Amino acid sequence: MSGSSTIDSSGSGLYTGSNSLGKGGDITINVTGTMSMDFSSIKSEGFGDGDAGRIRVSAGALALTDEAEINSTSGDGLGRGGDILITTPGMMSMDYSSILSKGFGVGDAGKIQISAGSLALTNSSEINSTGYFTGRGGDIAINVAGTMSLSDGSALISRTRGDGDGG
């Protein structure tokens, strides 16, 4: 894609997934201009023993609003949550939105890597990599060239909710 990209409206999104042994598909998005997501989702999921796929987003700027979600999560089997890699030389903003990689079974959550010119999370936005049961929480790595702010209950979370280690 070139120019600008918008994913909006009720429940719009891009999805890949697997319900058995197979891996959820990888998703790669390249946008030279601004990418905006409003109440929409990009998801790669693995329900069963397959891993969730990797999600890569590269955009000139990125705005997630009104419960927008980028999510690579595994279900309650052996699979692991997929990695999420986001790169933008411009502003990345999240308003009441989330970036999630979770492992709900034996598998670990994936890692989340963000490189941005500036980053602002507002209104309970979260970047979250959590392992449940025996899975490990994934690492979160954020590199911001300019300013970074979290406000109004926003959070960066890497943890486990079971026997695994936090990221």
Foldseek 3Di string as FASTA:
>chain_A
DEDEEEAEDAAGEAEFEEQEAEETEEAEEEYAEEYEYANYEYEFEYEYQYAGYEYEYEYQEYEYYHAYEYEFEYHAYNYFGYEYEYEHAEEYEYENYEYEFEYNHQEATEEYEYEYQEYEYEQQYEYFFEYEAAYEGYHYHYHYNHYYYYDNNYYYYFAYHHNYGTD
